[in-house]
Full PDB file with SEQRES, HELIX, SHEET, SSBOND, CRYST1, ORIGX, SCALE, CONECT and MASTER records, all heavy atoms in Angstrom:
SEQRES   1 A   34  LEU ILE GLU LYS ASN LEU ARG ARG SER GLY ILE THR ASN          
SEQRES   2 A   34  LYS LEU VAL THR ALA GLY ASP GLY GLN LEU ALA LEU ASP          
SEQRES   3 A   34  TYR LEU HIS GLY ALA GLY ASP PHE                              
HELIX    1 AA1 ILE A    2  ARG A    8  1                                   7    
HELIX    2 AA2 GLY A   21  HIS A   29  1                                   9    
CRYST1    1.000    1.000    1.000  90.00  90.00  90.00 P 1           1          
ORIGX1      1.000000  0.000000  0.000000        0.00000                         
ORIGX2      0.000000  1.000000  0.000000        0.00000                         
ORIGX3      0.000000  0.000000  1.000000        0.00000                         
SCALE1      1.000000  0.000000  0.000000        0.00000                         
SCALE2      0.000000  1.000000  0.000000        0.00000                         
SCALE3      0.000000  0.000000  1.000000        0.00000                         
ATOM      1  N   LEU A   1      81.046 -70.786 -76.525  1.00  0.00           N  
ATOM      2  CA  LEU A   1      79.595 -71.057 -76.661  1.00  0.00           C  
ATOM      3  C   LEU A   1      79.075 -70.609 -77.978  1.00  0.00           C  
ATOM      4  O   LEU A   1      78.283 -71.343 -78.656  1.00  0.00           O  
ATOM      5  CB  LEU A   1      78.838 -70.250 -75.541  1.00  0.00           C  
ATOM      6  CG  LEU A   1      77.455 -70.666 -75.381  1.00  0.00           C  
ATOM      7  CD1 LEU A   1      77.255 -72.114 -74.948  1.00  0.00           C  
ATOM      8  CD2 LEU A   1      76.840 -69.861 -74.217  1.00  0.00           C  
ATOM      9  N   ILE A   2      79.550 -69.494 -78.559  1.00  0.00           N  
ATOM     10  CA  ILE A   2      79.184 -69.065 -79.869  1.00  0.00           C  
ATOM     11  C   ILE A   2      79.659 -70.017 -80.941  1.00  0.00           C  
ATOM     12  O   ILE A   2      78.808 -70.483 -81.747  1.00  0.00           O  
ATOM     13  CB  ILE A   2      79.686 -67.620 -80.120  1.00  0.00           C  
ATOM     14  CG1 ILE A   2      78.888 -66.590 -79.208  1.00  0.00           C  
ATOM     15  CG2 ILE A   2      79.461 -67.268 -81.594  1.00  0.00           C  
ATOM     16  CD1 ILE A   2      79.589 -65.181 -79.128  1.00  0.00           C  
ATOM     17  N   GLU A   3      80.934 -70.452 -80.846  1.00  0.00           N  
ATOM     18  CA  GLU A   3      81.387 -71.319 -81.838  1.00  0.00           C  
ATOM     19  C   GLU A   3      80.609 -72.618 -81.834  1.00  0.00           C  
ATOM     20  O   GLU A   3      80.271 -73.250 -82.874  1.00  0.00           O  
ATOM     21  CB  GLU A   3      82.894 -71.581 -81.651  1.00  0.00           C  
ATOM     22  CG  GLU A   3      83.473 -72.587 -82.744  1.00  0.00           C  
ATOM     23  CD  GLU A   3      85.002 -72.680 -82.769  1.00  0.00           C  
ATOM     24  OE1 GLU A   3      85.673 -72.192 -81.906  1.00  0.00           O  
ATOM     25  OE2 GLU A   3      85.485 -73.349 -83.688  1.00  0.00           O  
ATOM     26  N   LYS A   4      80.452 -73.219 -80.572  1.00  0.00           N  
ATOM     27  CA  LYS A   4      79.905 -74.474 -80.332  1.00  0.00           C  
ATOM     28  C   LYS A   4      78.420 -74.504 -80.998  1.00  0.00           C  
ATOM     29  O   LYS A   4      78.038 -75.413 -81.631  1.00  0.00           O  
ATOM     30  CB  LYS A   4      79.723 -74.837 -78.868  1.00  0.00           C  
ATOM     31  CG  LYS A   4      79.138 -76.160 -78.561  1.00  0.00           C  
ATOM     32  CD  LYS A   4      79.283 -76.495 -77.140  1.00  0.00           C  
ATOM     33  CE  LYS A   4      78.085 -76.352 -76.321  1.00  0.00           C  
ATOM     34  NZ  LYS A   4      78.198 -76.770 -74.926  1.00  0.00           N  
ATOM     35  N   ASN A   5      77.675 -73.413 -80.777  1.00  0.00           N  
ATOM     36  CA  ASN A   5      76.293 -73.392 -81.280  1.00  0.00           C  
ATOM     37  C   ASN A   5      76.231 -73.033 -82.637  1.00  0.00           C  
ATOM     38  O   ASN A   5      75.259 -73.400 -83.386  1.00  0.00           O  
ATOM     39  CB  ASN A   5      75.460 -72.452 -80.365  1.00  0.00           C  
ATOM     40  CG  ASN A   5      75.151 -73.090 -79.088  1.00  0.00           C  
ATOM     41  OD1 ASN A   5      74.376 -74.000 -79.003  1.00  0.00           O  
ATOM     42  ND2 ASN A   5      75.805 -72.697 -78.025  1.00  0.00           N  
ATOM     43  N   LEU A   6      77.198 -72.272 -83.211  1.00  0.00           N  
ATOM     44  CA  LEU A   6      77.267 -72.078 -84.693  1.00  0.00           C  
ATOM     45  C   LEU A   6      77.538 -73.428 -85.347  1.00  0.00           C  
ATOM     46  O   LEU A   6      76.918 -73.817 -86.406  1.00  0.00           O  
ATOM     47  CB  LEU A   6      78.318 -71.159 -85.099  1.00  0.00           C  
ATOM     48  CG  LEU A   6      78.009 -69.669 -84.815  1.00  0.00           C  
ATOM     49  CD1 LEU A   6      79.272 -68.799 -85.210  1.00  0.00           C  
ATOM     50  CD2 LEU A   6      76.840 -69.167 -85.597  1.00  0.00           C  
ATOM     51  N   ARG A   7      78.381 -74.248 -84.816  1.00  0.00           N  
ATOM     52  CA  ARG A   7      78.688 -75.586 -85.343  1.00  0.00           C  
ATOM     53  C   ARG A   7      77.495 -76.477 -85.296  1.00  0.00           C  
ATOM     54  O   ARG A   7      77.168 -77.244 -86.202  1.00  0.00           O  
ATOM     55  CB  ARG A   7      79.854 -76.262 -84.618  1.00  0.00           C  
ATOM     56  CG  ARG A   7      81.178 -75.490 -84.732  1.00  0.00           C  
ATOM     57  CD  ARG A   7      81.711 -75.350 -86.068  1.00  0.00           C  
ATOM     58  NE  ARG A   7      82.995 -74.615 -86.111  1.00  0.00           N  
ATOM     59  CZ  ARG A   7      83.272 -73.744 -87.061  1.00  0.00           C  
ATOM     60  NH1 ARG A   7      82.513 -73.515 -88.032  1.00  0.00           N  
ATOM     61  NH2 ARG A   7      84.549 -73.146 -87.019  1.00  0.00           N  
ATOM     62  N   ARG A   8      76.685 -76.342 -84.188  1.00  0.00           N  
ATOM     63  CA  ARG A   8      75.506 -77.252 -83.927  1.00  0.00           C  
ATOM     64  C   ARG A   8      74.476 -76.846 -84.999  1.00  0.00           C  
ATOM     65  O   ARG A   8      73.648 -77.758 -85.383  1.00  0.00           O  
ATOM     66  CB  ARG A   8      74.913 -76.993 -82.543  1.00  0.00           C  
ATOM     67  CG  ARG A   8      75.580 -77.751 -81.505  1.00  0.00           C  
ATOM     68  CD  ARG A   8      74.898 -77.658 -80.167  1.00  0.00           C  
ATOM     69  NE  ARG A   8      75.498 -78.429 -79.104  1.00  0.00           N  
ATOM     70  CZ  ARG A   8      75.320 -78.251 -77.913  1.00  0.00           C  
ATOM     71  NH1 ARG A   8      74.492 -77.308 -77.458  1.00  0.00           N  
ATOM     72  NH2 ARG A   8      75.904 -79.032 -77.049  1.00  0.00           N  
ATOM     73  N   SER A   9      74.470 -75.623 -85.523  1.00  0.00           N  
ATOM     74  CA  SER A   9      73.468 -75.188 -86.505  1.00  0.00           C  
ATOM     75  C   SER A   9      73.887 -75.465 -87.915  1.00  0.00           C  
ATOM     76  O   SER A   9      73.237 -75.195 -88.800  1.00  0.00           O  
ATOM     77  CB  SER A   9      73.129 -73.725 -86.322  1.00  0.00           C  
ATOM     78  OG  SER A   9      74.272 -72.883 -86.709  1.00  0.00           O  
ATOM     79  N   GLY A  10      75.153 -76.193 -87.933  1.00  0.00           N  
ATOM     80  CA  GLY A  10      75.544 -76.646 -89.284  1.00  0.00           C  
ATOM     81  C   GLY A  10      76.565 -75.665 -89.950  1.00  0.00           C  
ATOM     82  O   GLY A  10      76.994 -75.986 -91.120  1.00  0.00           O  
ATOM     83  N   ILE A  11      76.974 -74.684 -89.268  1.00  0.00           N  
ATOM     84  CA  ILE A  11      77.999 -73.729 -89.828  1.00  0.00           C  
ATOM     85  C   ILE A  11      79.386 -74.344 -89.694  1.00  0.00           C  
ATOM     86  O   ILE A  11      79.848 -74.649 -88.534  1.00  0.00           O  
ATOM     87  CB  ILE A  11      77.973 -72.357 -89.101  1.00  0.00           C  
ATOM     88  CG1 ILE A  11      76.515 -71.700 -89.341  1.00  0.00           C  
ATOM     89  CG2 ILE A  11      79.047 -71.496 -89.628  1.00  0.00           C  
ATOM     90  CD1 ILE A  11      76.220 -71.413 -90.874  1.00  0.00           C  
ATOM     91  N   THR A  12      80.048 -74.624 -90.831  1.00  0.00           N  
ATOM     92  CA  THR A  12      81.350 -75.237 -90.813  1.00  0.00           C  
ATOM     93  C   THR A  12      82.457 -74.270 -91.225  1.00  0.00           C  
ATOM     94  O   THR A  12      83.586 -74.667 -91.473  1.00  0.00           O  
ATOM     95  CB  THR A  12      81.386 -76.478 -91.716  1.00  0.00           C  
ATOM     96  OG1 THR A  12      81.062 -76.094 -92.986  1.00  0.00           O  
ATOM     97  CG2 THR A  12      80.360 -77.502 -91.177  1.00  0.00           C  
ATOM     98  N   ASN A  13      82.134 -73.010 -91.475  1.00  0.00           N  
ATOM     99  CA  ASN A  13      82.952 -71.935 -92.007  1.00  0.00           C  
ATOM    100  C   ASN A  13      84.143 -71.888 -91.058  1.00  0.00           C  
ATOM    101  O   ASN A  13      84.103 -72.073 -89.820  1.00  0.00           O  
ATOM    102  CB  ASN A  13      82.278 -70.655 -92.138  1.00  0.00           C  
ATOM    103  CG  ASN A  13      81.003 -70.711 -92.904  1.00  0.00           C  
ATOM    104  OD1 ASN A  13      80.123 -71.546 -92.687  1.00  0.00           O  
ATOM    105  ND2 ASN A  13      80.886 -69.799 -93.905  1.00  0.00           N  
ATOM    106  N   LYS A  14      85.325 -71.324 -91.742  1.00  0.00           N  
ATOM    107  CA  LYS A  14      86.452 -71.016 -90.893  1.00  0.00           C  
ATOM    108  C   LYS A  14      85.978 -69.916 -89.925  1.00  0.00           C  
ATOM    109  O   LYS A  14      85.336 -68.988 -90.336  1.00  0.00           O  
ATOM    110  CB  LYS A  14      87.543 -70.548 -91.784  1.00  0.00           C  
ATOM    111  CG  LYS A  14      88.802 -70.033 -91.089  1.00  0.00           C  
ATOM    112  CD  LYS A  14      89.818 -69.509 -92.036  1.00  0.00           C  
ATOM    113  CE  LYS A  14      91.045 -69.001 -91.212  1.00  0.00           C  
ATOM    114  NZ  LYS A  14      91.963 -68.330 -92.056  1.00  0.00           N  
ATOM    115  N   LEU A  15      86.459 -70.035 -88.716  1.00  0.00           N  
ATOM    116  CA  LEU A  15      86.094 -69.026 -87.600  1.00  0.00           C  
ATOM    117  C   LEU A  15      87.441 -68.609 -86.970  1.00  0.00           C  
ATOM    118  O   LEU A  15      88.145 -69.505 -86.434  1.00  0.00           O  
ATOM    119  CB  LEU A  15      85.250 -69.689 -86.603  1.00  0.00           C  
ATOM    120  CG  LEU A  15      84.694 -68.759 -85.561  1.00  0.00           C  
ATOM    121  CD1 LEU A  15      83.333 -68.126 -86.054  1.00  0.00           C  
ATOM    122  CD2 LEU A  15      84.491 -69.424 -84.204  1.00  0.00           C  
ATOM    123  N   VAL A  16      87.661 -67.271 -86.983  1.00  0.00           N  
ATOM    124  CA  VAL A  16      88.838 -66.725 -86.350  1.00  0.00           C  
ATOM    125  C   VAL A  16      88.370 -65.882 -85.273  1.00  0.00           C  
ATOM    126  O   VAL A  16      87.348 -65.151 -85.474  1.00  0.00           O  
ATOM    127  CB  VAL A  16      89.623 -65.887 -87.399  1.00  0.00           C  
ATOM    128  CG1 VAL A  16      90.823 -65.040 -86.782  1.00  0.00           C  
ATOM    129  CG2 VAL A  16      90.101 -66.636 -88.610  1.00  0.00           C  
ATOM    130  N   THR A  17      88.951 -65.976 -84.051  1.00  0.00           N  
ATOM    131  CA  THR A  17      88.523 -65.245 -82.914  1.00  0.00           C  
ATOM    132  C   THR A  17      89.551 -64.210 -82.541  1.00  0.00           C  
ATOM    133  O   THR A  17      90.801 -64.496 -82.536  1.00  0.00           O  
ATOM    134  CB  THR A  17      88.287 -66.127 -81.726  1.00  0.00           C  
ATOM    135  OG1 THR A  17      87.311 -67.135 -82.042  1.00  0.00           O  
ATOM    136  CG2 THR A  17      87.816 -65.352 -80.464  1.00  0.00           C  
ATOM    137  N   ALA A  18      89.141 -62.932 -82.277  1.00  0.00           N  
ATOM    138  CA  ALA A  18      89.966 -61.867 -81.824  1.00  0.00           C  
ATOM    139  C   ALA A  18      89.386 -61.401 -80.452  1.00  0.00           C  
ATOM    140  O   ALA A  18      88.222 -61.207 -80.274  1.00  0.00           O  
ATOM    141  CB  ALA A  18      90.009 -60.685 -82.827  1.00  0.00           C  
ATOM    142  N   GLY A  19      90.266 -61.366 -79.435  1.00  0.00           N  
ATOM    143  CA  GLY A  19      89.822 -61.017 -78.169  1.00  0.00           C  
ATOM    144  C   GLY A  19      89.685 -59.519 -77.748  1.00  0.00           C  
ATOM    145  O   GLY A  19      89.339 -59.198 -76.743  1.00  0.00           O  
ATOM    146  N   ASP A  20      90.116 -58.717 -78.678  1.00  0.00           N  
ATOM    147  CA  ASP A  20      89.932 -57.192 -78.501  1.00  0.00           C  
ATOM    148  C   ASP A  20      89.853 -56.541 -79.830  1.00  0.00           C  
ATOM    149  O   ASP A  20      90.045 -57.133 -80.898  1.00  0.00           O  
ATOM    150  CB  ASP A  20      91.026 -56.651 -77.673  1.00  0.00           C  
ATOM    151  CG  ASP A  20      92.377 -56.610 -78.259  1.00  0.00           C  
ATOM    152  OD1 ASP A  20      92.549 -56.001 -79.475  1.00  0.00           O  
ATOM    153  OD2 ASP A  20      93.373 -57.083 -77.662  1.00  0.00           O  
ATOM    154  N   GLY A  21      89.358 -55.259 -79.780  1.00  0.00           N  
ATOM    155  CA  GLY A  21      89.068 -54.581 -80.963  1.00  0.00           C  
ATOM    156  C   GLY A  21      90.357 -54.322 -81.842  1.00  0.00           C  
ATOM    157  O   GLY A  21      90.259 -54.340 -83.081  1.00  0.00           O  
ATOM    158  N   GLN A  22      91.482 -54.020 -81.238  1.00  0.00           N  
ATOM    159  CA  GLN A  22      92.681 -53.830 -81.959  1.00  0.00           C  
ATOM    160  C   GLN A  22      93.107 -55.049 -82.729  1.00  0.00           C  
ATOM    161  O   GLN A  22      93.546 -54.962 -83.940  1.00  0.00           O  
ATOM    162  CB  GLN A  22      93.871 -53.250 -81.088  1.00  0.00           C  
ATOM    163  CG  GLN A  22      95.018 -52.874 -81.841  1.00  0.00           C  
ATOM    164  CD  GLN A  22      94.788 -51.817 -82.881  1.00  0.00           C  
ATOM    165  OE1 GLN A  22      94.330 -50.737 -82.477  1.00  0.00           O  
ATOM    166  NE2 GLN A  22      95.168 -52.076 -84.151  1.00  0.00           N  
ATOM    167  N   LEU A  23      93.022 -56.149 -82.052  1.00  0.00           N  
ATOM    168  CA  LEU A  23      93.427 -57.473 -82.730  1.00  0.00           C  
ATOM    169  C   LEU A  23      92.455 -57.746 -83.910  1.00  0.00           C  
ATOM    170  O   LEU A  23      92.931 -58.263 -84.937  1.00  0.00           O  
ATOM    171  CB  LEU A  23      93.311 -58.630 -81.748  1.00  0.00           C  
ATOM    172  CG  LEU A  23      94.427 -58.890 -80.867  1.00  0.00           C  
ATOM    173  CD1 LEU A  23      94.110 -59.998 -79.856  1.00  0.00           C  
ATOM    174  CD2 LEU A  23      95.713 -59.173 -81.572  1.00  0.00           C  
ATOM    175  N   ALA A  24      91.242 -57.355 -83.797  1.00  0.00           N  
ATOM    176  CA  ALA A  24      90.309 -57.524 -84.984  1.00  0.00           C  
ATOM    177  C   ALA A  24      90.751 -56.594 -86.127  1.00  0.00           C  
ATOM    178  O   ALA A  24      90.744 -57.150 -87.271  1.00  0.00           O  
ATOM    179  CB  ALA A  24      88.842 -57.138 -84.556  1.00  0.00           C  
ATOM    180  N   LEU A  25      90.982 -55.328 -85.843  1.00  0.00           N  
ATOM    181  CA  LEU A  25      91.554 -54.564 -86.937  1.00  0.00           C  
ATOM    182  C   LEU A  25      92.826 -54.975 -87.553  1.00  0.00           C  
ATOM    183  O   LEU A  25      93.128 -54.907 -88.727  1.00  0.00           O  
ATOM    184  CB  LEU A  25      91.569 -53.103 -86.452  1.00  0.00           C  
ATOM    185  CG  LEU A  25      90.194 -52.383 -86.244  1.00  0.00           C  
ATOM    186  CD1 LEU A  25      90.427 -51.003 -85.607  1.00  0.00           C  
ATOM    187  CD2 LEU A  25      89.380 -52.314 -87.529  1.00  0.00           C  
ATOM    188  N   ASP A  26      93.731 -55.478 -86.729  1.00  0.00           N  
ATOM    189  CA  ASP A  26      95.020 -56.021 -87.136  1.00  0.00           C  
ATOM    190  C   ASP A  26      94.744 -57.178 -88.003  1.00  0.00           C  
ATOM    191  O   ASP A  26      95.378 -57.310 -89.027  1.00  0.00           O  
ATOM    192  CB  ASP A  26      95.856 -56.484 -85.960  1.00  0.00           C  
ATOM    193  CG  ASP A  26      96.475 -55.269 -85.219  1.00  0.00           C  
ATOM    194  OD1 ASP A  26      96.422 -54.146 -85.663  1.00  0.00           O  
ATOM    195  OD2 ASP A  26      97.117 -55.524 -84.070  1.00  0.00           O  
ATOM    196  N   TYR A  27      93.773 -58.079 -87.671  1.00  0.00           N  
ATOM    197  CA  TYR A  27      93.463 -59.171 -88.580  1.00  0.00           C  
ATOM    198  C   TYR A  27      93.008 -58.686 -89.923  1.00  0.00           C  
ATOM    199  O   TYR A  27      93.442 -59.197 -90.995  1.00  0.00           O  
ATOM    200  CB  TYR A  27      92.515 -60.133 -87.874  1.00  0.00           C  
ATOM    201  CG  TYR A  27      92.007 -61.288 -88.841  1.00  0.00           C  
ATOM    202  CD1 TYR A  27      92.780 -62.356 -89.015  1.00  0.00           C  
ATOM    203  CD2 TYR A  27      90.812 -61.173 -89.580  1.00  0.00           C  
ATOM    204  CE1 TYR A  27      92.450 -63.399 -89.872  1.00  0.00           C  
ATOM    205  CE2 TYR A  27      90.401 -62.157 -90.346  1.00  0.00           C  
ATOM    206  CZ  TYR A  27      91.222 -63.281 -90.582  1.00  0.00           C  
ATOM    207  OH  TYR A  27      90.860 -64.297 -91.404  1.00  0.00           O  
ATOM    208  N   LEU A  28      92.064 -57.748 -89.847  1.00  0.00           N  
ATOM    209  CA  LEU A  28      91.492 -57.273 -91.095  1.00  0.00           C  
ATOM    210  C   LEU A  28      92.463 -56.499 -91.993  1.00  0.00           C  
ATOM    211  O   LEU A  28      92.328 -56.518 -93.280  1.00  0.00           O  
ATOM    212  CB  LEU A  28      90.347 -56.332 -90.724  1.00  0.00           C  
ATOM    213  CG  LEU A  28      89.175 -56.956 -90.104  1.00  0.00           C  
ATOM    214  CD1 LEU A  28      88.188 -55.910 -89.617  1.00  0.00           C  
ATOM    215  CD2 LEU A  28      88.389 -57.843 -91.120  1.00  0.00           C  
ATOM    216  N   HIS A  29      93.545 -55.922 -91.423  1.00  0.00           N  
ATOM    217  CA  HIS A  29      94.501 -55.197 -92.187  1.00  0.00           C  
ATOM    218  C   HIS A  29      95.808 -55.980 -92.444  1.00  0.00           C  
ATOM    219  O   HIS A  29      96.691 -55.552 -93.057  1.00  0.00           O  
ATOM    220  CB  HIS A  29      94.887 -53.843 -91.448  1.00  0.00           C  
ATOM    221  CG  HIS A  29      93.808 -52.881 -91.558  1.00  0.00           C  
ATOM    222  ND1 HIS A  29      93.116 -52.391 -90.437  1.00  0.00           N  
ATOM    223  CD2 HIS A  29      93.360 -52.198 -92.621  1.00  0.00           C  
ATOM    224  CE1 HIS A  29      92.195 -51.527 -90.841  1.00  0.00           C  
ATOM    225  NE2 HIS A  29      92.352 -51.285 -92.156  1.00  0.00           N  
ATOM    226  N   GLY A  30      95.872 -57.200 -91.768  1.00  0.00           N  
ATOM    227  CA  GLY A  30      97.041 -58.008 -91.925  1.00  0.00           C  
ATOM    228  C   GLY A  30      98.304 -57.279 -91.217  1.00  0.00           C  
ATOM    229  O   GLY A  30      99.370 -57.292 -91.767  1.00  0.00           O  
ATOM    230  N   ALA A  31      98.012 -56.734 -90.071  1.00  0.00           N  
ATOM    231  CA  ALA A  31      99.027 -55.977 -89.389  1.00  0.00           C  
ATOM    232  C   ALA A  31      99.255 -56.633 -87.934  1.00  0.00           C  
ATOM    233  O   ALA A  31      98.625 -57.588 -87.586  1.00  0.00           O  
ATOM    234  CB  ALA A  31      98.574 -54.557 -89.150  1.00  0.00           C  
ATOM    235  N   GLY A  32     100.300 -56.126 -87.142  1.00  0.00           N  
ATOM    236  CA  GLY A  32     100.521 -56.526 -85.897  1.00  0.00           C  
ATOM    237  C   GLY A  32     100.741 -58.068 -85.766  1.00  0.00           C  
ATOM    238  O   GLY A  32     101.607 -58.563 -86.645  1.00  0.00           O  
ATOM    239  N   ASP A  33     100.066 -58.834 -84.988  1.00  0.00           N  
ATOM    240  CA  ASP A  33     100.228 -60.341 -84.935  1.00  0.00           C  
ATOM    241  C   ASP A  33      99.864 -60.999 -86.196  1.00  0.00           C  
ATOM    242  O   ASP A  33     100.246 -62.134 -86.397  1.00  0.00           O  
ATOM    243  CB  ASP A  33      99.364 -60.930 -83.715  1.00  0.00           C  
ATOM    244  CG  ASP A  33      99.868 -60.532 -82.370  1.00  0.00           C  
ATOM    245  OD1 ASP A  33     100.967 -59.989 -82.225  1.00  0.00           O  
ATOM    246  OD2 ASP A  33      99.048 -60.645 -81.357  1.00  0.00           O  
ATOM    247  N   PHE A  34      99.139 -60.287 -86.971  1.00  0.00           N  
ATOM    248  CA  PHE A  34      98.712 -60.941 -88.315  1.00  0.00           C  
ATOM    249  C   PHE A  34      99.498 -60.331 -89.454  1.00  0.00           C  
ATOM    250  O   PHE A  34      99.015 -60.529 -90.684  1.00  0.00           O  
ATOM    251  CB  PHE A  34      97.227 -60.689 -88.434  1.00  0.00           C  
ATOM    252  CG  PHE A  34      96.388 -61.244 -87.470  1.00  0.00           C  
ATOM    253  CD1 PHE A  34      95.896 -60.518 -86.385  1.00  0.00           C  
ATOM    254  CD2 PHE A  34      96.140 -62.656 -87.357  1.00  0.00           C  
ATOM    255  CE1 PHE A  34      95.158 -60.965 -85.355  1.00  0.00           C  
ATOM    256  CE2 PHE A  34      95.353 -63.162 -86.357  1.00  0.00           C  
ATOM    257  CZ  PHE A  34      94.866 -62.365 -85.291  1.00  0.00           C  
TER     258      PHE A  34                                                      
MASTER        0    0    0    2    0    0    0    6  257    1    0    3          
END                                                                             
């Protein structure tokens, strides 16, 4: 819903989704799955 409505408002930016806090930090640090 967030992505759909951001797109509706004209936001075309790359959007990466993380489903938990550790995945978010892994993404930011290029660690774990990233």
